[in-house]
Amino acid sequence: MTRAEILKEFFKKTVLTVVIAYLLFTWGKILFLKDGQIEYFYVALFCGIPFGIQRMFLWLIPSGRSSISFTIGIIAVNFIVGGIIGIFVLAWKLIVAAWYIPLTIYRLFTTENAGNNFEE
């Protein structure tokens, strides 16, 4: 593994994940402010939706003869379930991001740089 691959993996698994989570949390704090209090459950759902909606195994799909309110309700349930799944996925990704910091430092110190061959 080269240093460029190590840094690319570090950026993808650590920096990008933390930046996306931070931006979502910041936006969520602004959006879900009620009477001067932050609704942290709604903020967590908001942050979890991008991480959990694609990991849902079963999407609820309304039938063709259902009303518009039933369809909107089913879509809302899909987003709520995706957000709840996403809370746990986001927590896991942040734990992995914290683990990748010392791992990347170790890999950078133990990897030989392929471009610096001074013996030839």
C-alpha atoms as a PDB file:
ATOM      1  CA  MET A   1       0.000   0.000   0.000  1.00  0.00           C
ATOM      2  CA  THR A   2       1.456   3.342  -1.032  1.00  0.00           C
ATOM      3  CA  ARG A   3       1.306   6.557   0.944  1.00  0.00           C
ATOM      4  CA  ALA A   4      -1.137   8.044  -1.563  1.00  0.00           C
ATOM      5  CA  GLU A   5      -3.527   5.108  -1.087  1.00  0.00           C
ATOM      6  CA  ILE A   6      -3.197   5.398   2.698  1.00  0.00           C
ATOM      7  CA  LEU A   7      -3.996   9.115   2.630  1.00  0.00           C
ATOM      8  CA  LYS A   8      -6.886   8.583   0.198  1.00  0.00           C
ATOM      9  CA  GLU A   9      -8.402   5.938   2.481  1.00  0.00           C
ATOM     10  CA  PHE A  10      -7.846   8.200   5.505  1.00  0.00           C
ATOM     11  CA  PHE A  11      -9.600  11.097   3.768  1.00  0.00           C
ATOM     12  CA  LYS A  12     -12.503   8.894   2.699  1.00  0.00           C
ATOM     13  CA  LYS A  13     -13.051   7.081   5.997  1.00  0.00           C
ATOM     14  CA  THR A  14     -12.200   9.846   8.451  1.00  0.00           C
ATOM     15  CA  VAL A  15     -12.234  13.390   7.138  1.00  0.00           C
ATOM     16  CA  LEU A  16     -15.206  13.052   4.809  1.00  0.00           C
ATOM     17  CA  THR A  17     -17.335  11.214   7.368  1.00  0.00           C
ATOM     18  CA  VAL A  18     -16.625  13.707  10.139  1.00  0.00           C
ATOM     19  CA  VAL A  19     -17.218  16.733   7.887  1.00  0.00           C
ATOM     20  CA  ILE A  20     -20.561  15.373   6.631  1.00  0.00           C
ATOM     21  CA  ALA A  21     -21.678  14.510  10.177  1.00  0.00           C
ATOM     22  CA  TYR A  22     -20.633  17.954  11.436  1.00  0.00           C
ATOM     23  CA  LEU A  23     -22.477  19.790   8.651  1.00  0.00           C
ATOM     24  CA  LEU A  24     -25.640  17.734   9.175  1.00  0.00           C
ATOM     25  CA  PHE A  25     -25.496  18.287  12.942  1.00  0.00           C
ATOM     26  CA  THR A  26     -25.005  22.037  12.477  1.00  0.00           C
ATOM     27  CA  TRP A  27     -27.933  22.279  10.055  1.00  0.00           C
ATOM     28  CA  GLY A  28     -30.053  20.082  12.303  1.00  0.00           C
ATOM     29  CA  LYS A  29     -29.423  22.334  15.306  1.00  0.00           C
ATOM     30  CA  ILE A  30     -30.652  25.297  13.282  1.00  0.00           C
ATOM     31  CA  LEU A  31     -33.684  23.515  11.818  1.00  0.00           C
ATOM     32  CA  PHE A  32     -34.944  21.804  14.971  1.00  0.00           C
ATOM     33  CA  LEU A  33     -34.831  24.672  17.427  1.00  0.00           C
ATOM     34  CA  LYS A  34     -38.084  24.998  19.370  1.00  0.00           C
ATOM     35  CA  ASP A  35     -38.608  27.618  22.070  1.00  0.00           C
ATOM     36  CA  GLY A  36     -34.856  28.060  22.455  1.00  0.00           C
ATOM     37  CA  GLN A  37     -34.330  24.312  23.011  1.00  0.00           C
ATOM     38  CA  ILE A  38     -32.742  21.951  20.521  1.00  0.00           C
ATOM     39  CA  GLU A  39     -34.719  18.785  19.774  1.00  0.00           C
ATOM     40  CA  TYR A  40     -31.783  16.350  19.755  1.00  0.00           C
ATOM     41  CA  PHE A  41     -33.839  13.325  18.725  1.00  0.00           C
ATOM     42  CA  TYR A  42     -34.935  15.109  15.548  1.00  0.00           C
ATOM     43  CA  VAL A  43     -31.369  16.274  14.950  1.00  0.00           C
ATOM     44  CA  ALA A  44     -30.163  12.666  15.303  1.00  0.00           C
ATOM     45  CA  LEU A  45     -32.821  11.461  12.854  1.00  0.00           C
ATOM     46  CA  PHE A  46     -31.847  14.237  10.451  1.00  0.00           C
ATOM     47  CA  CYS A  47     -28.170  13.265  10.692  1.00  0.00           C
ATOM     48  CA  GLY A  48     -28.940   9.566  10.325  1.00  0.00           C
ATOM     49  CA  ILE A  49     -31.068   9.731   7.184  1.00  0.00           C
ATOM     50  CA  PRO A  50     -28.178   9.974   4.657  1.00  0.00           C
ATOM     51  CA  PHE A  51     -26.320   7.139   6.375  1.00  0.00           C
ATOM     52  CA  GLY A  52     -29.262   4.805   6.940  1.00  0.00           C
ATOM     53  CA  ILE A  53     -31.759   5.273   4.144  1.00  0.00           C
ATOM     54  CA  GLN A  54     -29.725   3.183   1.669  1.00  0.00           C
ATOM     55  CA  ARG A  55     -29.219   0.436   4.264  1.00  0.00           C
ATOM     56  CA  MET A  56     -32.920  -0.243   4.699  1.00  0.00           C
ATOM     57  CA  PHE A  57     -33.708  -3.766   3.552  1.00  0.00           C
ATOM     58  CA  LEU A  58     -37.437  -3.256   3.144  1.00  0.00           C
ATOM     59  CA  TRP A  59     -39.097  -0.163   1.741  1.00  0.00           C
ATOM     60  CA  LEU A  60     -42.776   0.173   2.441  1.00  0.00           C
ATOM     61  CA  ILE A  61     -44.575   0.929  -0.820  1.00  0.00           C
ATOM     62  CA  PRO A  62     -48.212   2.063  -0.782  1.00  0.00           C
ATOM     63  CA  SER A  63     -50.677   0.353  -3.084  1.00  0.00           C
ATOM     64  CA  GLY A  64     -52.054   2.020  -6.184  1.00  0.00           C
ATOM     65  CA  ARG A  65     -55.500   2.570  -4.669  1.00  0.00           C
ATOM     66  CA  SER A  66     -54.343   4.304  -1.491  1.00  0.00           C
ATOM     67  CA  SER A  67     -54.949   7.948  -0.696  1.00  0.00           C
ATOM     68  CA  ILE A  68     -52.357  10.698  -0.900  1.00  0.00           C
ATOM     69  CA  SER A  69     -52.229  11.046   2.880  1.00  0.00           C
ATOM     70  CA  PHE A  70     -51.518   7.331   3.261  1.00  0.00           C
ATOM     71  CA  THR A  71     -48.734   7.581   0.653  1.00  0.00           C
ATOM     72  CA  ILE A  72     -47.145  10.563   2.415  1.00  0.00           C
ATOM     73  CA  GLY A  73     -47.413   8.730   5.733  1.00  0.00           C
ATOM     74  CA  ILE A  74     -45.655   5.673   4.329  1.00  0.00           C
ATOM     75  CA  ILE A  75     -42.870   7.851   2.908  1.00  0.00           C
ATOM     76  CA  ALA A  76     -42.498   9.509   6.322  1.00  0.00           C
ATOM     77  CA  VAL A  77     -42.262   6.103   8.023  1.00  0.00           C
ATOM     78  CA  ASN A  78     -39.558   5.112   5.522  1.00  0.00           C
ATOM     79  CA  PHE A  79     -37.533   8.211   6.396  1.00  0.00           C
ATOM     80  CA  ILE A  80     -38.018   7.702  10.146  1.00  0.00           C
ATOM     81  CA  VAL A  81     -36.880   4.072   9.978  1.00  0.00           C
ATOM     82  CA  GLY A  82     -33.960   5.068   7.746  1.00  0.00           C
ATOM     83  CA  GLY A  83     -33.001   7.789  10.228  1.00  0.00           C
ATOM     84  CA  ILE A  84     -33.100   5.393  13.175  1.00  0.00           C
ATOM     85  CA  ILE A  85     -30.920   2.894  11.307  1.00  0.00           C
ATOM     86  CA  GLY A  86     -28.665   5.770  10.272  1.00  0.00           C
ATOM     87  CA  ILE A  87     -28.081   6.884  13.865  1.00  0.00           C
ATOM     88  CA  PHE A  88     -26.373   3.571  14.576  1.00  0.00           C
ATOM     89  CA  VAL A  89     -24.536   3.511  11.244  1.00  0.00           C
ATOM     90  CA  LEU A  90     -23.275   7.060  11.833  1.00  0.00           C
ATOM     91  CA  ALA A  91     -22.120   6.170  15.344  1.00  0.00           C
ATOM     92  CA  TRP A  92     -20.237   3.177  13.942  1.00  0.00           C
ATOM     93  CA  LYS A  93     -18.664   5.274  11.168  1.00  0.00           C
ATOM     94  CA  LEU A  94     -17.492   7.848  13.721  1.00  0.00           C
ATOM     95  CA  ILE A  95     -15.936   5.085  15.832  1.00  0.00           C
ATOM     96  CA  VAL A  96     -14.184   3.765  12.719  1.00  0.00           C
ATOM     97  CA  ALA A  97     -13.031   7.311  11.901  1.00  0.00           C
ATOM     98  CA  ALA A  98     -11.511   7.656  15.370  1.00  0.00           C
ATOM     99  CA  TRP A  99      -9.778   4.292  14.910  1.00  0.00           C
ATOM    100  CA  TYR A 100      -8.339   5.295  11.523  1.00  0.00           C
ATOM    101  CA  ILE A 101      -6.370   8.224  12.967  1.00  0.00           C
ATOM    102  CA  PRO A 102      -3.780   6.136  14.867  1.00  0.00           C
ATOM    103  CA  LEU A 103      -3.963   3.400  12.219  1.00  0.00           C
ATOM    104  CA  THR A 104      -3.049   5.870   9.474  1.00  0.00           C
ATOM    105  CA  ILE A 105      -0.182   7.277  11.522  1.00  0.00           C
ATOM    106  CA  TYR A 106       1.121   3.737  12.060  1.00  0.00           C
ATOM    107  CA  ARG A 107       0.764   2.876   8.370  1.00  0.00           C
ATOM    108  CA  LEU A 108       2.539   6.065   7.274  1.00  0.00           C
ATOM    109  CA  PHE A 109       5.514   5.337   9.542  1.00  0.00           C
ATOM    110  CA  THR A 110       5.794   1.679   8.569  1.00  0.00           C
ATOM    111  CA  THR A 111       5.207   1.987   4.818  1.00  0.00           C
ATOM    112  CA  GLU A 112       8.202   2.416   2.601  1.00  0.00           C
ATOM    113  CA  ASN A 113       7.777   5.092  -0.014  1.00  0.00           C
ATOM    114  CA  ALA A 114       8.045   3.390  -3.409  1.00  0.00           C
ATOM    115  CA  GLY A 115       9.139   6.591  -5.148  1.00  0.00           C
ATOM    116  CA  ASN A 116      12.282   7.118  -3.050  1.00  0.00           C
ATOM    117  CA  ASN A 117      14.715   4.462  -4.243  1.00  0.00           C
ATOM    118  CA  PHE A 118      18.123   5.926  -3.446  1.00  0.00           C
ATOM    119  CA  GLU A 119      20.006   2.641  -3.854  1.00  0.00           C
ATOM    120  CA  GLU A 120      20.003   2.699  -7.652  1.00  0.00           C
END
